[in-house]
Amino acid sequence: MNELRTILPYFRPYRASLVWGLALVVVTNLFTVAGPYLIKLSVDRLGDPDVTMGRISTYALLIVAAAVFGGAAKYGMRELLNGLSRRIECDLRNDFFEHLLRLDVSFYGGTRTGDLMARATNDTMAVRAAT
């Protein structure tokens, strides 16, 4: 939980992107559910004696529209959330580098360069994977 409190301030500048990205997650899920439901309705209506070609065409159009809008929502969601994670990762790397610049020279005498590089790489990658 402390780790979450540590990275939470990095999300604040990107609240709007986060809200829109999460809203698109909901929209994507709605369209994902809508497709099979529309297929169920269209298959159920095929047995009706009063079914017309216009009604079948309407269901076909609705199924295609659900797939297209669902795909667009998924694309937008991925663009927003992946971009958000990259910007947060960049902010973390910049802050880490600024912190390294403020450290005393004696710190670098006892710390191996590989340890610093591993810390910078692994920790920021873990945060990106979590977002």
C-alpha atoms as a PDB file:
ATOM      1  CA  MET A   1       0.000   0.000   0.000  1.00  0.00           C
ATOM      2  CA  ASN A   2       2.903   2.343   0.687  1.00  0.00           C
ATOM      3  CA  GLU A   3       4.157   1.799  -2.847  1.00  0.00           C
ATOM      4  CA  LEU A   4       0.812   2.951  -4.193  1.00  0.00           C
ATOM      5  CA  ARG A   5       0.962   6.104  -2.084  1.00  0.00           C
ATOM      6  CA  THR A   6       4.406   6.772  -3.469  1.00  0.00           C
ATOM      7  CA  ILE A   7       3.360   6.696  -7.124  1.00  0.00           C
ATOM      8  CA  LEU A   8      -0.110   8.219  -6.686  1.00  0.00           C
ATOM      9  CA  PRO A   9       1.160  11.814  -7.091  1.00  0.00           C
ATOM     10  CA  TYR A  10       2.430  10.892 -10.552  1.00  0.00           C
ATOM     11  CA  PHE A  11      -1.152  10.202 -11.660  1.00  0.00           C
ATOM     12  CA  ARG A  12      -2.505  13.618 -10.641  1.00  0.00           C
ATOM     13  CA  PRO A  13      -1.369  15.568 -13.717  1.00  0.00           C
ATOM     14  CA  TYR A  14      -3.010  12.945 -15.920  1.00  0.00           C
ATOM     15  CA  ARG A  15      -6.370  12.614 -14.154  1.00  0.00           C
ATOM     16  CA  ALA A  16      -8.380  13.527 -17.243  1.00  0.00           C
ATOM     17  CA  SER A  17      -6.632  10.875 -19.355  1.00  0.00           C
ATOM     18  CA  LEU A  18      -7.146   8.322 -16.611  1.00  0.00           C
ATOM     19  CA  VAL A  19     -10.863   9.103 -16.296  1.00  0.00           C
ATOM     20  CA  TRP A  20     -11.382   8.999 -20.072  1.00  0.00           C
ATOM     21  CA  GLY A  21      -9.386   5.787 -20.346  1.00  0.00           C
ATOM     22  CA  LEU A  22     -11.431   4.099 -17.631  1.00  0.00           C
ATOM     23  CA  ALA A  23     -14.654   5.369 -19.223  1.00  0.00           C
ATOM     24  CA  LEU A  24     -13.551   3.801 -22.492  1.00  0.00           C
ATOM     25  CA  VAL A  25     -12.931   0.529 -20.638  1.00  0.00           C
ATOM     26  CA  VAL A  26     -16.605   0.556 -19.642  1.00  0.00           C
ATOM     27  CA  VAL A  27     -17.730   1.480 -23.173  1.00  0.00           C
ATOM     28  CA  THR A  28     -15.542  -1.258 -24.656  1.00  0.00           C
ATOM     29  CA  ASN A  29     -17.037  -3.826 -22.306  1.00  0.00           C
ATOM     30  CA  LEU A  30     -20.574  -2.684 -23.143  1.00  0.00           C
ATOM     31  CA  PHE A  31     -19.959  -3.100 -26.865  1.00  0.00           C
ATOM     32  CA  THR A  32     -18.283  -6.456 -26.236  1.00  0.00           C
ATOM     33  CA  VAL A  33     -21.435  -7.660 -24.481  1.00  0.00           C
ATOM     34  CA  ALA A  34     -23.742  -6.011 -27.023  1.00  0.00           C
ATOM     35  CA  GLY A  35     -22.427  -8.041 -29.974  1.00  0.00           C
ATOM     36  CA  PRO A  36     -23.427 -11.502 -28.709  1.00  0.00           C
ATOM     37  CA  TYR A  37     -26.700 -10.117 -27.356  1.00  0.00           C
ATOM     38  CA  LEU A  38     -27.595  -8.686 -30.762  1.00  0.00           C
ATOM     39  CA  ILE A  39     -26.708 -11.998 -32.400  1.00  0.00           C
ATOM     40  CA  LYS A  40     -29.015 -13.765 -29.932  1.00  0.00           C
ATOM     41  CA  LEU A  41     -31.859 -11.368 -30.771  1.00  0.00           C
ATOM     42  CA  SER A  42     -31.367 -11.784 -34.503  1.00  0.00           C
ATOM     43  CA  VAL A  43     -31.257 -15.586 -34.308  1.00  0.00           C
ATOM     44  CA  ASP A  44     -34.371 -15.620 -32.124  1.00  0.00           C
ATOM     45  CA  ARG A  45     -36.210 -13.397 -34.625  1.00  0.00           C
ATOM     46  CA  LEU A  46     -35.348 -15.612 -37.585  1.00  0.00           C
ATOM     47  CA  GLY A  47     -37.962 -18.114 -36.402  1.00  0.00           C
ATOM     48  CA  ASP A  48     -40.770 -15.535 -36.460  1.00  0.00           C
ATOM     49  CA  PRO A  49     -43.127 -15.934 -39.424  1.00  0.00           C
ATOM     50  CA  ASP A  50     -43.435 -12.151 -39.837  1.00  0.00           C
ATOM     51  CA  VAL A  51     -39.684 -11.490 -40.101  1.00  0.00           C
ATOM     52  CA  THR A  52     -38.720  -9.289 -43.038  1.00  0.00           C
ATOM     53  CA  MET A  53     -35.512  -8.769 -44.905  1.00  0.00           C
ATOM     54  CA  GLY A  54     -35.457  -5.219 -43.560  1.00  0.00           C
ATOM     55  CA  ARG A  55     -35.466  -6.474 -39.972  1.00  0.00           C
ATOM     56  CA  ILE A  56     -32.675  -8.957 -40.714  1.00  0.00           C
ATOM     57  CA  SER A  57     -30.682  -6.171 -42.359  1.00  0.00           C
ATOM     58  CA  THR A  58     -31.244  -3.956 -39.324  1.00  0.00           C
ATOM     59  CA  TYR A  59     -29.897  -6.622 -36.978  1.00  0.00           C
ATOM     60  CA  ALA A  60     -26.919  -7.220 -39.259  1.00  0.00           C
ATOM     61  CA  LEU A  61     -26.190  -3.496 -39.326  1.00  0.00           C
ATOM     62  CA  LEU A  62     -26.467  -3.271 -35.521  1.00  0.00           C
ATOM     63  CA  ILE A  63     -24.067  -6.199 -35.080  1.00  0.00           C
ATOM     64  CA  VAL A  64     -21.527  -4.617 -37.428  1.00  0.00           C
ATOM     65  CA  ALA A  65     -21.961  -1.211 -35.746  1.00  0.00           C
ATOM     66  CA  ALA A  66     -21.397  -2.760 -32.304  1.00  0.00           C
ATOM     67  CA  ALA A  67     -18.195  -4.379 -33.572  1.00  0.00           C
ATOM     68  CA  VAL A  68     -16.940  -1.173 -35.206  1.00  0.00           C
ATOM     69  CA  PHE A  69     -17.734   1.098 -32.247  1.00  0.00           C
ATOM     70  CA  GLY A  70     -16.363  -1.489 -29.823  1.00  0.00           C
ATOM     71  CA  GLY A  71     -13.129  -1.637 -31.796  1.00  0.00           C
ATOM     72  CA  ALA A  72     -12.873   2.153 -31.885  1.00  0.00           C
ATOM     73  CA  ALA A  73     -13.468   2.347 -28.133  1.00  0.00           C
ATOM     74  CA  LYS A  74     -10.833  -0.340 -27.521  1.00  0.00           C
ATOM     75  CA  TYR A  75      -8.335   1.516 -29.705  1.00  0.00           C
ATOM     76  CA  GLY A  76      -8.987   4.780 -27.851  1.00  0.00           C
ATOM     77  CA  MET A  77      -8.722   3.034 -24.496  1.00  0.00           C
ATOM     78  CA  ARG A  78      -5.374   1.490 -25.391  1.00  0.00           C
ATOM     79  CA  GLU A  79      -3.988   4.727 -26.788  1.00  0.00           C
ATOM     80  CA  LEU A  80      -5.004   6.703 -23.708  1.00  0.00           C
ATOM     81  CA  LEU A  81      -3.920   4.205 -21.072  1.00  0.00           C
ATOM     82  CA  ASN A  82      -0.679   3.160 -22.790  1.00  0.00           C
ATOM     83  CA  GLY A  83       0.219   6.801 -23.358  1.00  0.00           C
ATOM     84  CA  LEU A  84      -0.584   7.522 -19.732  1.00  0.00           C
ATOM     85  CA  SER A  85       1.697   4.751 -18.519  1.00  0.00           C
ATOM     86  CA  ARG A  86       4.534   6.006 -20.754  1.00  0.00           C
ATOM     87  CA  ARG A  87       4.198   9.573 -19.462  1.00  0.00           C
ATOM     88  CA  ILE A  88       4.191   8.392 -15.839  1.00  0.00           C
ATOM     89  CA  GLU A  89       7.222   6.219 -16.559  1.00  0.00           C
ATOM     90  CA  CYS A  90       9.016   9.215 -18.062  1.00  0.00           C
ATOM     91  CA  ASP A  91       8.192  11.361 -15.013  1.00  0.00           C
ATOM     92  CA  LEU A  92       9.482   8.630 -12.701  1.00  0.00           C
ATOM     93  CA  ARG A  93      12.725   8.297 -14.644  1.00  0.00           C
ATOM     94  CA  ASN A  94      13.254  12.061 -14.635  1.00  0.00           C
ATOM     95  CA  ASP A  95      12.651  12.293 -10.884  1.00  0.00           C
ATOM     96  CA  PHE A  96      14.978   9.347 -10.266  1.00  0.00           C
ATOM     97  CA  PHE A  97      17.693  10.990 -12.345  1.00  0.00           C
ATOM     98  CA  GLU A  98      17.249  14.300 -10.514  1.00  0.00           C
ATOM     99  CA  HIS A  99      17.534  12.413  -7.229  1.00  0.00           C
ATOM    100  CA  LEU A 100      20.766  10.775  -8.402  1.00  0.00           C
ATOM    101  CA  LEU A 101      22.179  14.192  -9.271  1.00  0.00           C
ATOM    102  CA  ARG A 102      21.487  15.454  -5.733  1.00  0.00           C
ATOM    103  CA  LEU A 103      23.272  12.544  -4.025  1.00  0.00           C
ATOM    104  CA  ASP A 104      26.682  12.974  -2.459  1.00  0.00           C
ATOM    105  CA  VAL A 105      29.738  11.753  -4.341  1.00  0.00           C
ATOM    106  CA  SER A 106      30.499   9.260  -1.554  1.00  0.00           C
ATOM    107  CA  PHE A 107      27.290   7.407  -2.409  1.00  0.00           C
ATOM    108  CA  TYR A 108      28.663   6.559  -5.839  1.00  0.00           C
ATOM    109  CA  GLY A 109      31.885   5.223  -4.322  1.00  0.00           C
ATOM    110  CA  GLY A 110      30.006   2.424  -2.559  1.00  0.00           C
ATOM    111  CA  THR A 111      27.292   1.714  -5.125  1.00  0.00           C
ATOM    112  CA  ARG A 112      27.849  -0.187  -8.330  1.00  0.00           C
ATOM    113  CA  THR A 113      26.646   1.374 -11.554  1.00  0.00           C
ATOM    114  CA  GLY A 114      24.849  -1.820 -12.543  1.00  0.00           C
ATOM    115  CA  ASP A 115      22.785  -1.703  -9.343  1.00  0.00           C
ATOM    116  CA  LEU A 116      21.666   1.835 -10.130  1.00  0.00           C
ATOM    117  CA  MET A 117      20.822   0.925 -13.710  1.00  0.00           C
ATOM    118  CA  ALA A 118      18.905  -2.170 -12.626  1.00  0.00           C
ATOM    119  CA  ARG A 119      16.960  -0.122 -10.093  1.00  0.00           C
ATOM    120  CA  ALA A 120      16.086   2.526 -12.645  1.00  0.00           C
ATOM    121  CA  THR A 121      15.030   0.009 -15.266  1.00  0.00           C
ATOM    122  CA  ASN A 122      13.232  -2.625 -13.208  1.00  0.00           C
ATOM    123  CA  ASP A 123      11.303  -0.301 -10.921  1.00  0.00           C
ATOM    124  CA  THR A 124      10.010   1.945 -13.673  1.00  0.00           C
ATOM    125  CA  MET A 125       9.084  -1.068 -15.796  1.00  0.00           C
ATOM    126  CA  ALA A 126       7.168  -2.513 -12.839  1.00  0.00           C
ATOM    127  CA  VAL A 127       5.234   0.740 -12.455  1.00  0.00           C
ATOM    128  CA  ARG A 128       4.475   0.829 -16.189  1.00  0.00           C
ATOM    129  CA  ALA A 129       3.229  -2.760 -16.062  1.00  0.00           C
ATOM    130  CA  ALA A 130       1.001  -1.908 -13.103  1.00  0.00           C
ATOM    131  CA  THR A 131      -0.642   1.080 -14.819  1.00  0.00           C
END
